[in-house]
Amino acid sequence: MTDDLAERGPRDRSRINISEDWECRYWSQQLGVTTEQLQEAVHQVGDAVEAVRAYLATPATGRTS
């Protein structure tokens, strides 16, 4: 892992690692959801960012835009 402090965000931007608090905060902010909503989405559809985006975009998730 790099020590470059100018580099922000996860190294693998196609996956969400909910085991890391800072990644939960990063992805929650990026996706406009709470960390609880993010964690639920990952539990439902897996850690692929595109799958999580699609899940969060569906009305059944309870998320309002």
PDB file of N, CA and C in Angstrom:
ATOM      1  N   MET A   1       0.845  -1.175   0.000  1.00  0.00           N
ATOM      2  CA  MET A   1       0.000   0.000   0.000  1.00  0.00           C
ATOM      3  C   MET A   1       0.888   1.235   0.000  1.00  0.00           C
ATOM      4  N   THR A   2       0.460   2.248  -0.703  1.00  0.00           N
ATOM      5  CA  THR A   2       1.236   3.468  -0.821  1.00  0.00           C
ATOM      6  C   THR A   2       1.116   4.343   0.423  1.00  0.00           C
ATOM      7  N   ASP A   3       2.148   5.141   0.661  1.00  0.00           N
ATOM      8  CA  ASP A   3       2.127   6.102   1.760  1.00  0.00           C
ATOM      9  C   ASP A   3       1.820   7.506   1.261  1.00  0.00           C
ATOM     10  N   ASP A   4       1.411   7.632   0.005  1.00  0.00           N
ATOM     11  CA  ASP A   4       1.105   8.930  -0.591  1.00  0.00           C
ATOM     12  C   ASP A   4      -0.177   9.480   0.025  1.00  0.00           C
ATOM     13  N   LEU A   5      -0.046  10.501   0.864  1.00  0.00           N
ATOM     14  CA  LEU A   5      -1.208  11.055   1.546  1.00  0.00           C
ATOM     15  C   LEU A   5      -2.104  11.860   0.615  1.00  0.00           C
ATOM     16  N   ALA A   6      -1.612  12.194  -0.579  1.00  0.00           N
ATOM     17  CA  ALA A   6      -2.434  12.917  -1.549  1.00  0.00           C
ATOM     18  C   ALA A   6      -3.439  11.987  -2.209  1.00  0.00           C
ATOM     19  N   GLU A   7      -3.173  10.693  -2.158  1.00  0.00           N
ATOM     20  CA  GLU A   7      -4.078   9.713  -2.763  1.00  0.00           C
ATOM     21  C   GLU A   7      -5.198   9.405  -1.784  1.00  0.00           C
ATOM     22  N   ARG A   8      -6.410   9.701  -2.185  1.00  0.00           N
ATOM     23  CA  ARG A   8      -7.563   9.493  -1.315  1.00  0.00           C
ATOM     24  C   ARG A   8      -8.449   8.398  -1.880  1.00  0.00           C
ATOM     25  N   GLY A   9      -9.124   7.699  -0.990  1.00  0.00           N
ATOM     26  CA  GLY A   9     -10.056   6.669  -1.422  1.00  0.00           C
ATOM     27  C   GLY A   9      -9.413   5.300  -1.449  1.00  0.00           C
ATOM     28  N   PRO A  10     -10.238   4.298  -1.652  1.00  0.00           N
ATOM     29  CA  PRO A  10      -9.759   2.914  -1.654  1.00  0.00           C
ATOM     30  C   PRO A  10      -8.910   2.600  -2.875  1.00  0.00           C
ATOM     31  N   ARG A  11      -7.999   1.651  -2.725  1.00  0.00           N
ATOM     32  CA  ARG A  11      -7.145   1.240  -3.843  1.00  0.00           C
ATOM     33  C   ARG A  11      -7.968   0.540  -4.915  1.00  0.00           C
ATOM     34  N   ASP A  12      -8.882  -0.320  -4.516  1.00  0.00           N
ATOM     35  CA  ASP A  12      -9.748  -1.020  -5.468  1.00  0.00           C
ATOM     36  C   ASP A  12     -11.107  -0.336  -5.440  1.00  0.00           C
ATOM     37  N   ARG A  13     -11.338   0.529  -6.396  1.00  0.00           N
ATOM     38  CA  ARG A  13     -12.576   1.313  -6.407  1.00  0.00           C
ATOM     39  C   ARG A  13     -13.761   0.555  -6.988  1.00  0.00           C
ATOM     40  N   SER A  14     -13.575  -0.724  -7.273  1.00  0.00           N
ATOM     41  CA  SER A  14     -14.698  -1.524  -7.769  1.00  0.00           C
ATOM     42  C   SER A  14     -15.326  -2.357  -6.651  1.00  0.00           C
ATOM     43  N   ARG A  15     -14.723  -2.329  -5.466  1.00  0.00           N
ATOM     44  CA  ARG A  15     -15.196  -3.116  -4.323  1.00  0.00           C
ATOM     45  C   ARG A  15     -15.310  -2.239  -3.086  1.00  0.00           C
ATOM     46  N   ILE A  16     -16.233  -2.597  -2.207  1.00  0.00           N
ATOM     47  CA  ILE A  16     -16.430  -1.877  -0.949  1.00  0.00           C
ATOM     48  C   ILE A  16     -16.080  -2.815   0.199  1.00  0.00           C
ATOM     49  N   ASN A  17     -15.107  -2.412   1.000  1.00  0.00           N
ATOM     50  CA  ASN A  17     -14.680  -3.208   2.151  1.00  0.00           C
ATOM     51  C   ASN A  17     -15.321  -2.621   3.406  1.00  0.00           C
ATOM     52  N   ILE A  18     -16.432  -3.205   3.830  1.00  0.00           N
ATOM     53  CA  ILE A  18     -17.138  -2.662   4.996  1.00  0.00           C
ATOM     54  C   ILE A  18     -16.453  -3.010   6.317  1.00  0.00           C
ATOM     55  N   SER A  19     -15.375  -3.766   6.260  1.00  0.00           N
ATOM     56  CA  SER A  19     -14.607  -4.068   7.473  1.00  0.00           C
ATOM     57  C   SER A  19     -13.734  -2.891   7.889  1.00  0.00           C
ATOM     58  N   GLU A  20     -13.526  -1.954   6.970  1.00  0.00           N
ATOM     59  CA  GLU A  20     -12.707  -0.772   7.250  1.00  0.00           C
ATOM     60  C   GLU A  20     -13.624   0.427   7.464  1.00  0.00           C
ATOM     61  N   ASP A  21     -13.554   1.033   8.650  1.00  0.00           N
ATOM     62  CA  ASP A  21     -14.410   2.184   8.958  1.00  0.00           C
ATOM     63  C   ASP A  21     -14.224   3.321   7.962  1.00  0.00           C
ATOM     64  N   TRP A  22     -12.964   3.606   7.591  1.00  0.00           N
ATOM     65  CA  TRP A  22     -12.713   4.721   6.687  1.00  0.00           C
ATOM     66  C   TRP A  22     -13.313   4.452   5.311  1.00  0.00           C
ATOM     67  N   GLU A  23     -13.340   3.173   4.878  1.00  0.00           N
ATOM     68  CA  GLU A  23     -13.963   2.857   3.588  1.00  0.00           C
ATOM     69  C   GLU A  23     -15.471   3.020   3.675  1.00  0.00           C
ATOM     70  N   CYS A  24     -16.059   2.639   4.793  1.00  0.00           N
ATOM     71  CA  CYS A  24     -17.503   2.848   4.978  1.00  0.00           C
ATOM     72  C   CYS A  24     -17.827   4.333   4.898  1.00  0.00           C
ATOM     73  N   ARG A  25     -17.020   5.156   5.553  1.00  0.00           N
ATOM     74  CA  ARG A  25     -17.253   6.604   5.502  1.00  0.00           C
ATOM     75  C   ARG A  25     -17.082   7.130   4.080  1.00  0.00           C
ATOM     76  N   TYR A  26     -16.029   6.683   3.395  1.00  0.00           N
ATOM     77  CA  TYR A  26     -15.765   7.131   2.025  1.00  0.00           C
ATOM     78  C   TYR A  26     -16.930   6.775   1.106  1.00  0.00           C
ATOM     79  N   TRP A  27     -17.326   5.502   1.102  1.00  0.00           N
ATOM     80  CA  TRP A  27     -18.379   5.061   0.191  1.00  0.00           C
ATOM     81  C   TRP A  27     -19.736   5.624   0.580  1.00  0.00           C
ATOM     82  N   SER A  28     -20.000   5.793   1.853  1.00  0.00           N
ATOM     83  CA  SER A  28     -21.260   6.406   2.282  1.00  0.00           C
ATOM     84  C   SER A  28     -21.371   7.819   1.721  1.00  0.00           C
ATOM     85  N   GLN A  29     -20.281   8.556   1.811  1.00  0.00           N
ATOM     86  CA  GLN A  29     -20.272   9.920   1.279  1.00  0.00           C
ATOM     87  C   GLN A  29     -20.410   9.902  -0.243  1.00  0.00           C
ATOM     88  N   GLN A  30     -19.681   9.023  -0.907  1.00  0.00           N
ATOM     89  CA  GLN A  30     -19.739   8.950  -2.368  1.00  0.00           C
ATOM     90  C   GLN A  30     -21.131   8.590  -2.869  1.00  0.00           C
ATOM     91  N   LEU A  31     -21.811   7.712  -2.156  1.00  0.00           N
ATOM     92  CA  LEU A  31     -23.114   7.211  -2.595  1.00  0.00           C
ATOM     93  C   LEU A  31     -24.288   7.966  -1.974  1.00  0.00           C
ATOM     94  N   GLY A  32     -24.002   8.853  -1.036  1.00  0.00           N
ATOM     95  CA  GLY A  32     -25.055   9.658  -0.430  1.00  0.00           C
ATOM     96  C   GLY A  32     -25.998   8.878   0.468  1.00  0.00           C
ATOM     97  N   VAL A  33     -25.437   7.935   1.219  1.00  0.00           N
ATOM     98  CA  VAL A  33     -26.238   7.113   2.123  1.00  0.00           C
ATOM     99  C   VAL A  33     -25.571   7.068   3.492  1.00  0.00           C
ATOM    100  N   THR A  34     -26.287   6.542   4.469  1.00  0.00           N
ATOM    101  CA  THR A  34     -25.690   6.342   5.789  1.00  0.00           C
ATOM    102  C   THR A  34     -24.806   5.092   5.746  1.00  0.00           C
ATOM    103  N   THR A  35     -23.942   4.954   6.742  1.00  0.00           N
ATOM    104  CA  THR A  35     -23.113   3.750   6.791  1.00  0.00           C
ATOM    105  C   THR A  35     -23.973   2.512   7.001  1.00  0.00           C
ATOM    106  N   GLU A  36     -25.077   2.674   7.721  1.00  0.00           N
ATOM    107  CA  GLU A  36     -25.981   1.538   7.937  1.00  0.00           C
ATOM    108  C   GLU A  36     -26.612   1.094   6.617  1.00  0.00           C
ATOM    109  N   GLN A  37     -27.046   2.060   5.795  1.00  0.00           N
ATOM    110  CA  GLN A  37     -27.622   1.730   4.487  1.00  0.00           C
ATOM    111  C   GLN A  37     -26.576   1.062   3.595  1.00  0.00           C
ATOM    112  N   LEU A  38     -25.354   1.564   3.649  1.00  0.00           N
ATOM    113  CA  LEU A  38     -24.273   0.986   2.853  1.00  0.00           C
ATOM    114  C   LEU A  38     -24.015  -0.455   3.278  1.00  0.00           C
ATOM    115  N   GLN A  39     -23.900  -0.686   4.571  1.00  0.00           N
ATOM    116  CA  GLN A  39     -23.635  -2.029   5.070  1.00  0.00           C
ATOM    117  C   GLN A  39     -24.760  -2.989   4.707  1.00  0.00           C
ATOM    118  N   GLU A  40     -26.000  -2.545   4.808  1.00  0.00           N
ATOM    119  CA  GLU A  40     -27.139  -3.383   4.427  1.00  0.00           C
ATOM    120  C   GLU A  40     -27.075  -3.726   2.942  1.00  0.00           C
ATOM    121  N   ALA A  41     -26.750  -2.746   2.115  1.00  0.00           N
ATOM    122  CA  ALA A  41     -26.652  -2.981   0.672  1.00  0.00           C
ATOM    123  C   ALA A  41     -25.567  -4.011   0.362  1.00  0.00           C
ATOM    124  N   VAL A  42     -24.417  -3.881   1.009  1.00  0.00           N
ATOM    125  CA  VAL A  42     -23.325  -4.840   0.783  1.00  0.00           C
ATOM    126  C   VAL A  42     -23.743  -6.230   1.246  1.00  0.00           C
ATOM    127  N   HIS A  43     -24.441  -6.316   2.359  1.00  0.00           N
ATOM    128  CA  HIS A  43     -24.921  -7.626   2.835  1.00  0.00           C
ATOM    129  C   HIS A  43     -25.919  -8.240   1.862  1.00  0.00           C
ATOM    130  N   GLN A  44     -26.723  -7.412   1.212  1.00  0.00           N
ATOM    131  CA  GLN A  44     -27.746  -7.906   0.292  1.00  0.00           C
ATOM    132  C   GLN A  44     -27.185  -8.322  -1.065  1.00  0.00           C
ATOM    133  N   VAL A  45     -26.259  -7.514  -1.630  1.00  0.00           N
ATOM    134  CA  VAL A  45     -25.833  -7.754  -3.020  1.00  0.00           C
ATOM    135  C   VAL A  45     -24.343  -8.010  -3.203  1.00  0.00           C
ATOM    136  N   GLY A  46     -23.579  -7.956  -2.126  1.00  0.00           N
ATOM    137  CA  GLY A  46     -22.143  -8.170  -2.255  1.00  0.00           C
ATOM    138  C   GLY A  46     -21.388  -6.852  -2.285  1.00  0.00           C
ATOM    139  N   ASP A  47     -20.075  -6.933  -2.447  1.00  0.00           N
ATOM    140  CA  ASP A  47     -19.235  -5.744  -2.302  1.00  0.00           C
ATOM    141  C   ASP A  47     -18.909  -5.014  -3.601  1.00  0.00           C
ATOM    142  N   ALA A  48     -19.460  -5.438  -4.727  1.00  0.00           N
ATOM    143  CA  ALA A  48     -19.207  -4.752  -5.995  1.00  0.00           C
ATOM    144  C   ALA A  48     -19.921  -3.399  -5.999  1.00  0.00           C
ATOM    145  N   VAL A  49     -19.178  -2.339  -6.286  1.00  0.00           N
ATOM    146  CA  VAL A  49     -19.723  -0.988  -6.236  1.00  0.00           C
ATOM    147  C   VAL A  49     -20.935  -0.839  -7.144  1.00  0.00           C
ATOM    148  N   GLU A  50     -20.874  -1.353  -8.357  1.00  0.00           N
ATOM    149  CA  GLU A  50     -21.998  -1.199  -9.286  1.00  0.00           C
ATOM    150  C   GLU A  50     -23.250  -1.920  -8.789  1.00  0.00           C
ATOM    151  N   ALA A  51     -23.085  -3.075  -8.171  1.00  0.00           N
ATOM    152  CA  ALA A  51     -24.235  -3.794  -7.615  1.00  0.00           C
ATOM    153  C   ALA A  51     -24.838  -3.015  -6.450  1.00  0.00           C
ATOM    154  N   VAL A  52     -23.985  -2.428  -5.628  1.00  0.00           N
ATOM    155  CA  VAL A  52     -24.462  -1.630  -4.495  1.00  0.00           C
ATOM    156  C   VAL A  52     -25.186  -0.386  -5.000  1.00  0.00           C
ATOM    157  N   ARG A  53     -24.624   0.278  -6.016  1.00  0.00           N
ATOM    158  CA  ARG A  53     -25.290   1.455  -6.611  1.00  0.00           C
ATOM    159  C   ARG A  53     -26.685   1.086  -7.116  1.00  0.00           C
ATOM    160  N   ALA A  54     -26.779  -0.021  -7.834  1.00  0.00           N
ATOM    161  CA  ALA A  54     -28.066  -0.456  -8.387  1.00  0.00           C
ATOM    162  C   ALA A  54     -29.051  -0.770  -7.263  1.00  0.00           C
ATOM    163  N   TYR A  55     -28.584  -1.455  -6.237  1.00  0.00           N
ATOM    164  CA  TYR A  55     -29.445  -1.788  -5.098  1.00  0.00           C
ATOM    165  C   TYR A  55     -29.971  -0.522  -4.427  1.00  0.00           C
ATOM    166  N   LEU A  56     -29.088   0.438  -4.208  1.00  0.00           N
ATOM    167  CA  LEU A  56     -29.486   1.672  -3.536  1.00  0.00           C
ATOM    168  C   LEU A  56     -30.412   2.527  -4.398  1.00  0.00           C
ATOM    169  N   ALA A  57     -30.379   2.327  -5.695  1.00  0.00           N
ATOM    170  CA  ALA A  57     -31.221   3.109  -6.610  1.00  0.00           C
ATOM    171  C   ALA A  57     -32.644   2.572  -6.707  1.00  0.00           C
ATOM    172  N   THR A  58     -32.882   1.370  -6.192  1.00  0.00           N
ATOM    173  CA  THR A  58     -34.220   0.789  -6.278  1.00  0.00           C
ATOM    174  C   THR A  58     -35.098   1.317  -5.149  1.00  0.00           C
ATOM    175  N   PRO A  59     -36.354   1.640  -5.449  1.00  0.00           N
ATOM    176  CA  PRO A  59     -37.261   2.184  -4.431  1.00  0.00           C
ATOM    177  C   PRO A  59     -37.483   1.244  -3.243  1.00  0.00           C
ATOM    178  N   ALA A  60     -37.369  -0.050  -3.444  1.00  0.00           N
ATOM    179  CA  ALA A  60     -37.635  -1.021  -2.377  1.00  0.00           C
ATOM    180  C   ALA A  60     -36.635  -0.934  -1.231  1.00  0.00           C
ATOM    181  N   THR A  61     -35.498  -0.290  -1.429  1.00  0.00           N
ATOM    182  CA  THR A  61     -34.488  -0.200  -0.375  1.00  0.00           C
ATOM    183  C   THR A  61     -34.840   0.832   0.678  1.00  0.00           C
ATOM    184  N   GLY A  62     -35.846   1.648   0.394  1.00  0.00           N
ATOM    185  CA  GLY A  62     -36.242   2.660   1.359  1.00  0.00           C
ATOM    186  C   GLY A  62     -35.447   3.937   1.259  1.00  0.00           C
ATOM    187  N   ARG A  63     -34.563   4.028   0.303  1.00  0.00           N
ATOM    188  CA  ARG A  63     -33.761   5.231   0.133  1.00  0.00           C
ATOM    189  C   ARG A  63     -34.558   6.244  -0.673  1.00  0.00           C
ATOM    190  N   THR A  64     -34.570   7.463  -0.230  1.00  0.00           N
ATOM    191  CA  THR A  64     -35.229   8.517  -0.990  1.00  0.00           C
ATOM    192  C   THR A  64     -34.179   9.443  -1.556  1.00  0.00           C
ATOM    193  N   SER A  65     -34.393   9.896  -2.760  1.00  0.00           N
ATOM    194  CA  SER A  65     -33.410  10.774  -3.411  1.00  0.00           C
ATOM    195  C   SER A  65     -33.614  12.212  -3.034  1.00  0.00           C
TER     196      SER A  65
END
